[in-house]
Amino acid sequence: MATNAEQVPLQLLVVDDNPTEVLVMSDAFAELGYLVELNSVKDGREALDYLNQAPPFQDALPVDLIFIDLNMPRVDGFQLLEQIPTGYPAKKVVWTNSTDRADTERALALGADYYATKLGRFAAMVSVLTEIFTTRMRNAPKKPLGSL
């Protein structure tokens, strides 16, 4: 069994045009102590390039978990869900301001694994991450206690 020092961090991609949301996500992962490498892009077009390892993302590692905002320029979250390559193994989490039931249903129908609202920001993110990691990714690597 690998020790914490040997564990490979989870590869995360945050797709959001608001840099503050990326910081909230980063802070929430730090709070929970998960071993992650968090990368971010500002819209769905960049996300598709990242997932397909197209320039300038040709050295990107495969992603384990994608956090997707719905309201973005160029390619929005719904369009991104439609265009993620079939069979791409990453879990897809929609993280959005929309509380509209139709948006939830549409996102889940398009392949989202989880839908959560940004209401409450940091506390909500910690709650969502706890739910995801305790029910869907139970073996997610944690940082050694001394590095928290």
N, C-alpha and C. Protein backbone atom coordinates (compact mmCIF):
# COMPACT_ATOMS: atom_id res chain seq x y z
N MET A 1 0.85 -1.19 0.00
CA MET A 1 0.00 0.00 0.00
C MET A 1 0.88 1.25 0.00
N ALA A 2 0.55 2.22 -0.79
CA ALA A 2 1.35 3.44 -0.90
C ALA A 2 1.18 4.31 0.34
N THR A 3 2.25 4.95 0.72
CA THR A 3 2.17 5.90 1.82
C THR A 3 1.71 7.23 1.25
N ASN A 4 1.36 8.16 2.15
CA ASN A 4 0.92 9.48 1.67
C ASN A 4 1.97 10.14 0.79
N ALA A 5 3.26 9.96 1.15
CA ALA A 5 4.33 10.59 0.38
C ALA A 5 4.39 10.04 -1.04
N GLU A 6 3.91 8.79 -1.25
CA GLU A 6 3.96 8.17 -2.56
C GLU A 6 2.68 8.35 -3.35
N GLN A 7 1.64 8.88 -2.74
CA GLN A 7 0.37 9.01 -3.42
C GLN A 7 0.44 10.08 -4.51
N VAL A 8 -0.25 9.80 -5.57
CA VAL A 8 -0.34 10.74 -6.68
C VAL A 8 -1.53 11.65 -6.42
N PRO A 9 -1.34 12.96 -6.54
CA PRO A 9 -2.47 13.86 -6.30
C PRO A 9 -3.57 13.67 -7.33
N LEU A 10 -4.81 13.89 -6.89
CA LEU A 10 -5.92 13.90 -7.83
C LEU A 10 -5.75 15.09 -8.76
N GLN A 11 -6.05 14.89 -10.01
CA GLN A 11 -5.96 15.96 -11.00
C GLN A 11 -7.33 16.59 -11.15
N LEU A 12 -7.42 17.88 -10.82
CA LEU A 12 -8.68 18.59 -10.89
C LEU A 12 -8.60 19.69 -11.93
N LEU A 13 -9.72 19.89 -12.60
CA LEU A 13 -9.84 20.99 -13.54
C LEU A 13 -11.07 21.80 -13.14
N VAL A 14 -10.85 23.08 -12.86
CA VAL A 14 -11.95 24.00 -12.54
C VAL A 14 -12.19 24.84 -13.78
N VAL A 15 -13.43 24.80 -14.26
CA VAL A 15 -13.81 25.54 -15.47
C VAL A 15 -14.74 26.66 -15.02
N ASP A 16 -14.18 27.85 -14.88
CA ASP A 16 -14.95 28.99 -14.37
C ASP A 16 -14.27 30.27 -14.81
N ASP A 17 -15.04 31.24 -15.28
CA ASP A 17 -14.48 32.51 -15.73
C ASP A 17 -14.27 33.50 -14.59
N ASN A 18 -14.60 33.10 -13.36
CA ASN A 18 -14.44 33.96 -12.19
C ASN A 18 -13.26 33.46 -11.34
N PRO A 19 -12.14 34.18 -11.32
CA PRO A 19 -10.97 33.72 -10.57
C PRO A 19 -11.23 33.56 -9.07
N THR A 20 -12.19 34.29 -8.53
CA THR A 20 -12.53 34.16 -7.11
C THR A 20 -13.06 32.76 -6.82
N GLU A 21 -13.83 32.22 -7.73
CA GLU A 21 -14.36 30.86 -7.53
C GLU A 21 -13.24 29.83 -7.50
N VAL A 22 -12.23 30.04 -8.30
CA VAL A 22 -11.08 29.13 -8.31
C VAL A 22 -10.36 29.21 -6.96
N LEU A 23 -10.23 30.40 -6.41
CA LEU A 23 -9.60 30.56 -5.09
C LEU A 23 -10.42 29.88 -4.00
N VAL A 24 -11.74 30.01 -4.06
CA VAL A 24 -12.61 29.35 -3.08
C VAL A 24 -12.39 27.84 -3.14
N MET A 25 -12.33 27.31 -4.35
CA MET A 25 -12.11 25.88 -4.54
C MET A 25 -10.77 25.46 -3.96
N SER A 26 -9.73 26.22 -4.25
CA SER A 26 -8.40 25.92 -3.74
C SER A 26 -8.36 25.94 -2.22
N ASP A 27 -8.98 26.95 -1.63
CA ASP A 27 -9.03 27.07 -0.17
C ASP A 27 -9.81 25.92 0.46
N ALA A 28 -10.89 25.50 -0.18
CA ALA A 28 -11.69 24.40 0.35
C ALA A 28 -10.91 23.09 0.34
N PHE A 29 -10.17 22.84 -0.73
CA PHE A 29 -9.34 21.63 -0.76
C PHE A 29 -8.25 21.68 0.30
N ALA A 30 -7.67 22.85 0.50
CA ALA A 30 -6.66 23.00 1.55
C ALA A 30 -7.26 22.73 2.92
N GLU A 31 -8.47 23.23 3.15
CA GLU A 31 -9.16 23.03 4.43
C GLU A 31 -9.41 21.55 4.70
N LEU A 32 -9.77 20.81 3.67
CA LEU A 32 -10.09 19.39 3.83
C LEU A 32 -8.87 18.49 3.80
N GLY A 33 -7.76 19.01 3.31
CA GLY A 33 -6.52 18.25 3.33
C GLY A 33 -6.36 17.22 2.23
N TYR A 34 -7.11 17.33 1.15
CA TYR A 34 -6.95 16.38 0.05
C TYR A 34 -5.73 16.73 -0.78
N LEU A 35 -5.09 15.71 -1.28
CA LEU A 35 -3.90 15.87 -2.10
C LEU A 35 -4.37 16.04 -3.55
N VAL A 36 -4.32 17.28 -4.02
CA VAL A 36 -4.83 17.58 -5.36
C VAL A 36 -3.87 18.49 -6.11
N GLU A 37 -3.93 18.38 -7.42
CA GLU A 37 -3.29 19.36 -8.29
C GLU A 37 -4.44 20.05 -9.01
N LEU A 38 -4.65 21.31 -8.68
CA LEU A 38 -5.79 22.06 -9.20
C LEU A 38 -5.34 22.93 -10.36
N ASN A 39 -5.96 22.71 -11.50
CA ASN A 39 -5.72 23.54 -12.68
C ASN A 39 -7.03 24.22 -13.03
N SER A 40 -6.95 25.36 -13.69
CA SER A 40 -8.17 26.06 -14.04
C SER A 40 -8.08 26.64 -15.44
N VAL A 41 -9.25 26.74 -16.05
CA VAL A 41 -9.41 27.40 -17.34
C VAL A 41 -10.64 28.28 -17.24
N LYS A 42 -10.76 29.26 -18.14
CA LYS A 42 -11.81 30.27 -17.97
C LYS A 42 -13.09 30.03 -18.76
N ASP A 43 -13.12 28.99 -19.60
CA ASP A 43 -14.36 28.70 -20.34
C ASP A 43 -14.32 27.28 -20.89
N GLY A 44 -15.45 26.88 -21.45
CA GLY A 44 -15.58 25.53 -21.97
C GLY A 44 -14.66 25.23 -23.13
N ARG A 45 -14.37 26.23 -23.97
CA ARG A 45 -13.46 26.01 -25.10
C ARG A 45 -12.07 25.62 -24.59
N GLU A 46 -11.57 26.36 -23.59
CA GLU A 46 -10.27 26.04 -23.01
C GLU A 46 -10.31 24.67 -22.32
N ALA A 47 -11.44 24.35 -21.70
CA ALA A 47 -11.57 23.05 -21.02
C ALA A 47 -11.45 21.91 -22.03
N LEU A 48 -12.11 22.05 -23.18
CA LEU A 48 -12.02 21.00 -24.20
C LEU A 48 -10.59 20.86 -24.70
N ASP A 49 -9.90 21.98 -24.90
CA ASP A 49 -8.49 21.92 -25.30
C ASP A 49 -7.66 21.21 -24.23
N TYR A 50 -7.94 21.53 -22.97
CA TYR A 50 -7.21 20.91 -21.86
C TYR A 50 -7.46 19.39 -21.85
N LEU A 51 -8.73 18.99 -21.93
CA LEU A 51 -9.07 17.57 -21.87
C LEU A 51 -8.51 16.79 -23.05
N ASN A 52 -8.43 17.45 -24.20
CA ASN A 52 -7.89 16.81 -25.41
C ASN A 52 -6.39 17.02 -25.57
N GLN A 53 -5.78 17.66 -24.59
CA GLN A 53 -4.35 17.95 -24.58
C GLN A 53 -3.89 18.69 -25.83
N ALA A 54 -4.74 19.61 -26.28
CA ALA A 54 -4.40 20.46 -27.41
C ALA A 54 -3.58 21.65 -26.91
N PRO A 55 -2.72 22.23 -27.76
CA PRO A 55 -1.94 23.38 -27.32
C PRO A 55 -2.84 24.48 -26.78
N PRO A 56 -2.45 25.11 -25.72
CA PRO A 56 -1.17 25.02 -25.00
C PRO A 56 -1.18 24.00 -23.86
N PHE A 57 -2.09 23.03 -23.89
CA PHE A 57 -2.24 22.07 -22.79
C PHE A 57 -1.72 20.68 -23.14
N GLN A 58 -0.80 20.59 -24.08
CA GLN A 58 -0.34 19.28 -24.54
C GLN A 58 0.34 18.46 -23.44
N ASP A 59 0.80 19.09 -22.37
CA ASP A 59 1.44 18.36 -21.27
C ASP A 59 0.50 18.11 -20.09
N ALA A 60 -0.77 18.44 -20.25
CA ALA A 60 -1.74 18.26 -19.17
C ALA A 60 -1.94 16.78 -18.88
N LEU A 61 -2.04 16.47 -17.60
CA LEU A 61 -2.32 15.10 -17.18
C LEU A 61 -3.82 14.84 -17.28
N PRO A 62 -4.23 13.58 -17.44
CA PRO A 62 -5.66 13.28 -17.45
C PRO A 62 -6.31 13.75 -16.15
N VAL A 63 -7.52 14.22 -16.26
CA VAL A 63 -8.23 14.81 -15.12
C VAL A 63 -9.09 13.76 -14.43
N ASP A 64 -9.12 13.81 -13.08
CA ASP A 64 -9.95 12.91 -12.29
C ASP A 64 -11.31 13.52 -11.98
N LEU A 65 -11.35 14.85 -11.86
CA LEU A 65 -12.55 15.54 -11.43
C LEU A 65 -12.62 16.90 -12.11
N ILE A 66 -13.75 17.22 -12.72
CA ILE A 66 -13.94 18.50 -13.41
C ILE A 66 -15.07 19.25 -12.71
N PHE A 67 -14.80 20.49 -12.31
CA PHE A 67 -15.82 21.37 -11.74
C PHE A 67 -16.20 22.36 -12.83
N ILE A 68 -17.49 22.41 -13.16
CA ILE A 68 -17.95 23.17 -14.32
C ILE A 68 -18.98 24.21 -13.90
N ASP A 69 -18.69 25.47 -14.21
CA ASP A 69 -19.69 26.53 -14.07
C ASP A 69 -20.56 26.47 -15.32
N LEU A 70 -21.82 26.84 -15.21
CA LEU A 70 -22.70 26.82 -16.37
C LEU A 70 -22.61 28.08 -17.21
N ASN A 71 -22.46 29.23 -16.57
CA ASN A 71 -22.49 30.51 -17.27
C ASN A 71 -21.08 31.01 -17.54
N MET A 72 -20.63 30.76 -18.77
CA MET A 72 -19.28 31.18 -19.18
C MET A 72 -19.33 31.67 -20.61
N PRO A 73 -18.34 32.46 -21.02
CA PRO A 73 -18.28 32.92 -22.41
C PRO A 73 -17.87 31.77 -23.35
N ARG A 74 -18.02 32.02 -24.61
CA ARG A 74 -17.64 31.12 -25.71
C ARG A 74 -18.36 29.78 -25.66
N VAL A 75 -17.93 28.87 -24.83
CA VAL A 75 -18.58 27.56 -24.67
C VAL A 75 -19.03 27.48 -23.22
N ASP A 76 -20.36 27.43 -23.02
CA ASP A 76 -20.87 27.40 -21.64
C ASP A 76 -20.81 25.99 -21.05
N GLY A 77 -21.24 25.85 -19.82
CA GLY A 77 -21.16 24.56 -19.14
C GLY A 77 -21.99 23.47 -19.77
N PHE A 78 -23.18 23.81 -20.26
CA PHE A 78 -24.01 22.81 -20.95
C PHE A 78 -23.33 22.33 -22.22
N GLN A 79 -22.81 23.28 -22.99
CA GLN A 79 -22.11 22.91 -24.23
C GLN A 79 -20.88 22.06 -23.92
N LEU A 80 -20.19 22.40 -22.84
CA LEU A 80 -19.02 21.61 -22.45
C LEU A 80 -19.43 20.18 -22.11
N LEU A 81 -20.48 20.02 -21.31
CA LEU A 81 -20.94 18.67 -20.97
C LEU A 81 -21.28 17.87 -22.23
N GLU A 82 -21.88 18.52 -23.21
CA GLU A 82 -22.22 17.85 -24.47
C GLU A 82 -20.98 17.42 -25.25
N GLN A 83 -19.90 18.18 -25.11
CA GLN A 83 -18.72 17.96 -25.95
C GLN A 83 -17.58 17.21 -25.27
N ILE A 84 -17.69 16.93 -23.98
CA ILE A 84 -16.64 16.14 -23.33
C ILE A 84 -16.60 14.79 -24.03
N PRO A 85 -15.42 14.33 -24.40
CA PRO A 85 -15.33 13.07 -25.15
C PRO A 85 -16.05 11.92 -24.44
N THR A 86 -16.81 11.16 -25.20
CA THR A 86 -17.51 10.00 -24.67
C THR A 86 -16.51 9.06 -24.00
N GLY A 87 -16.85 8.64 -22.81
CA GLY A 87 -15.97 7.72 -22.09
C GLY A 87 -14.87 8.39 -21.30
N TYR A 88 -14.79 9.72 -21.36
CA TYR A 88 -13.76 10.40 -20.55
C TYR A 88 -14.04 10.07 -19.09
N PRO A 89 -13.05 9.53 -18.37
CA PRO A 89 -13.31 8.95 -17.05
C PRO A 89 -13.50 9.92 -15.89
N ALA A 90 -13.29 11.18 -16.08
CA ALA A 90 -13.39 12.14 -14.98
C ALA A 90 -14.82 12.28 -14.48
N LYS A 91 -14.97 12.46 -13.18
CA LYS A 91 -16.26 12.83 -12.61
C LYS A 91 -16.52 14.28 -12.97
N LYS A 92 -17.77 14.59 -13.28
CA LYS A 92 -18.13 15.95 -13.69
C LYS A 92 -19.08 16.55 -12.66
N VAL A 93 -18.63 17.65 -12.05
CA VAL A 93 -19.41 18.33 -11.03
C VAL A 93 -19.80 19.70 -11.56
N VAL A 94 -21.09 19.95 -11.66
CA VAL A 94 -21.55 21.29 -12.03
C VAL A 94 -21.60 22.10 -10.75
N TRP A 95 -20.90 23.24 -10.75
CA TRP A 95 -20.78 24.14 -9.60
C TRP A 95 -21.21 25.50 -10.11
N THR A 96 -22.45 25.90 -9.79
CA THR A 96 -23.04 27.06 -10.45
C THR A 96 -23.91 27.87 -9.51
N ASN A 97 -24.27 29.06 -9.93
CA ASN A 97 -25.19 29.91 -9.16
C ASN A 97 -26.66 29.54 -9.41
N SER A 98 -26.92 28.77 -10.44
CA SER A 98 -28.30 28.46 -10.82
C SER A 98 -28.95 27.46 -9.86
N THR A 99 -30.12 27.83 -9.38
CA THR A 99 -30.92 26.91 -8.55
C THR A 99 -32.14 26.42 -9.33
N ASP A 100 -32.16 26.69 -10.61
CA ASP A 100 -33.28 26.30 -11.48
C ASP A 100 -33.29 24.78 -11.67
N ARG A 101 -34.40 24.16 -11.32
CA ARG A 101 -34.52 22.69 -11.44
C ARG A 101 -34.28 22.22 -12.87
N ALA A 102 -34.71 23.00 -13.86
CA ALA A 102 -34.50 22.63 -15.26
C ALA A 102 -33.01 22.57 -15.58
N ASP A 103 -32.21 23.48 -15.01
CA ASP A 103 -30.77 23.45 -15.23
C ASP A 103 -30.16 22.20 -14.59
N THR A 104 -30.63 21.86 -13.40
CA THR A 104 -30.14 20.65 -12.72
C THR A 104 -30.43 19.43 -13.57
N GLU A 105 -31.66 19.29 -14.01
CA GLU A 105 -32.07 18.13 -14.79
C GLU A 105 -31.30 18.05 -16.11
N ARG A 106 -31.14 19.20 -16.75
CA ARG A 106 -30.42 19.23 -18.04
C ARG A 106 -28.96 18.82 -17.84
N ALA A 107 -28.30 19.38 -16.82
CA ALA A 107 -26.89 19.06 -16.57
C ALA A 107 -26.71 17.57 -16.27
N LEU A 108 -27.58 17.02 -15.45
CA LEU A 108 -27.48 15.59 -15.12
C LEU A 108 -27.76 14.73 -16.36
N ALA A 109 -28.71 15.16 -17.19
CA ALA A 109 -29.00 14.42 -18.42
C ALA A 109 -27.82 14.46 -19.40
N LEU A 110 -27.04 15.53 -19.33
CA LEU A 110 -25.88 15.67 -20.22
C LEU A 110 -24.62 15.00 -19.67
N GLY A 111 -24.74 14.36 -18.51
CA GLY A 111 -23.61 13.59 -18.02
C GLY A 111 -22.95 14.09 -16.76
N ALA A 112 -23.47 15.16 -16.16
CA ALA A 112 -22.90 15.61 -14.89
C ALA A 112 -23.15 14.52 -13.84
N ASP A 113 -22.16 14.30 -12.99
CA ASP A 113 -22.29 13.31 -11.92
C ASP A 113 -22.86 13.93 -10.65
N TYR A 114 -22.74 15.25 -10.54
CA TYR A 114 -23.15 15.94 -9.32
C TYR A 114 -23.48 17.38 -9.69
N TYR A 115 -24.48 17.95 -9.03
CA TYR A 115 -24.89 19.33 -9.28
C TYR A 115 -24.95 20.05 -7.94
N ALA A 116 -24.26 21.16 -7.83
CA ALA A 116 -24.26 21.92 -6.57
C ALA A 116 -24.28 23.41 -6.88
N THR A 117 -24.90 24.17 -5.98
CA THR A 117 -24.94 25.62 -6.15
C THR A 117 -23.84 26.28 -5.34
N LYS A 118 -23.45 27.45 -5.79
CA LYS A 118 -22.38 28.21 -5.16
C LYS A 118 -22.87 29.02 -3.96
N LEU A 119 -24.13 28.93 -3.66
CA LEU A 119 -24.68 29.72 -2.56
C LEU A 119 -23.92 29.44 -1.27
N GLY A 120 -23.45 30.49 -0.62
CA GLY A 120 -22.71 30.32 0.62
C GLY A 120 -21.21 30.19 0.40
N ARG A 121 -20.79 30.11 -0.82
CA ARG A 121 -19.40 30.05 -1.22
C ARG A 121 -18.56 29.04 -0.46
N PHE A 122 -17.72 29.49 0.49
CA PHE A 122 -16.73 28.61 1.09
C PHE A 122 -17.38 27.45 1.85
N ALA A 123 -18.33 27.75 2.72
CA ALA A 123 -18.98 26.68 3.50
C ALA A 123 -19.68 25.70 2.57
N ALA A 124 -20.31 26.21 1.52
CA ALA A 124 -20.99 25.34 0.56
C ALA A 124 -19.98 24.47 -0.16
N MET A 125 -18.86 25.04 -0.55
CA MET A 125 -17.84 24.26 -1.26
C MET A 125 -17.29 23.16 -0.37
N VAL A 126 -16.99 23.46 0.88
CA VAL A 126 -16.48 22.44 1.79
C VAL A 126 -17.51 21.33 1.94
N SER A 127 -18.78 21.68 2.06
CA SER A 127 -19.85 20.70 2.19
C SER A 127 -19.95 19.82 0.94
N VAL A 128 -19.91 20.45 -0.23
CA VAL A 128 -19.99 19.71 -1.49
C VAL A 128 -18.80 18.77 -1.64
N LEU A 129 -17.61 19.27 -1.36
CA LEU A 129 -16.42 18.43 -1.49
C LEU A 129 -16.45 17.26 -0.51
N THR A 130 -16.91 17.52 0.69
CA THR A 130 -17.03 16.44 1.68
C THR A 130 -17.98 15.37 1.16
N GLU A 131 -19.12 15.79 0.63
CA GLU A 131 -20.10 14.85 0.08
C GLU A 131 -19.49 14.05 -1.07
N ILE A 132 -18.84 14.72 -2.00
CA ILE A 132 -18.26 14.04 -3.16
C ILE A 132 -17.21 13.04 -2.72
N PHE A 133 -16.33 13.46 -1.84
CA PHE A 133 -15.21 12.60 -1.48
C PHE A 133 -15.58 11.49 -0.51
N THR A 134 -16.66 11.64 0.25
CA THR A 134 -17.05 10.57 1.15
C THR A 134 -17.98 9.57 0.48
N THR A 135 -18.69 9.98 -0.56
CA THR A 135 -19.62 9.05 -1.20
C THR A 135 -19.17 8.58 -2.57
N ARG A 136 -18.40 9.38 -3.27
CA ARG A 136 -18.06 9.03 -4.65
C ARG A 136 -16.57 8.77 -4.89
N MET A 137 -15.72 9.26 -4.04
CA MET A 137 -14.28 9.10 -4.23
C MET A 137 -13.64 8.75 -2.89
N ARG A 138 -14.07 7.65 -2.32
CA ARG A 138 -13.66 7.29 -0.96
C ARG A 138 -12.16 7.11 -0.79
N ASN A 139 -11.46 6.74 -1.83
CA ASN A 139 -10.03 6.49 -1.71
C ASN A 139 -9.18 7.67 -2.15
N ALA A 140 -9.75 8.86 -2.12
CA ALA A 140 -9.00 10.05 -2.52
C ALA A 140 -7.81 10.24 -1.58
N PRO A 141 -6.65 10.55 -2.13
CA PRO A 141 -5.46 10.71 -1.29
C PRO A 141 -5.54 11.96 -0.41
N LYS A 142 -5.10 11.82 0.81
CA LYS A 142 -5.04 12.95 1.75
C LYS A 142 -3.58 13.32 1.95
N LYS A 143 -3.35 14.59 2.29
CA LYS A 143 -2.01 15.05 2.60
C LYS A 143 -1.57 14.46 3.93
N PRO A 144 -0.26 14.24 4.10
CA PRO A 144 0.23 13.82 5.41
C PRO A 144 -0.16 14.86 6.46
N LEU A 145 -0.46 14.43 7.67
CA LEU A 145 -0.91 15.35 8.70
C LEU A 145 0.03 16.52 8.91
N GLY A 146 1.31 16.32 8.81
CA GLY A 146 2.29 17.39 9.03
C GLY A 146 2.26 18.47 7.95
N SER A 147 1.59 18.19 6.80
CA SER A 147 1.60 19.19 5.73
C SER A 147 0.32 19.98 5.64
N LEU A 148 -0.61 19.75 6.56
CA LEU A 148 -1.86 20.49 6.52
C LEU A 148 -1.64 21.86 6.92
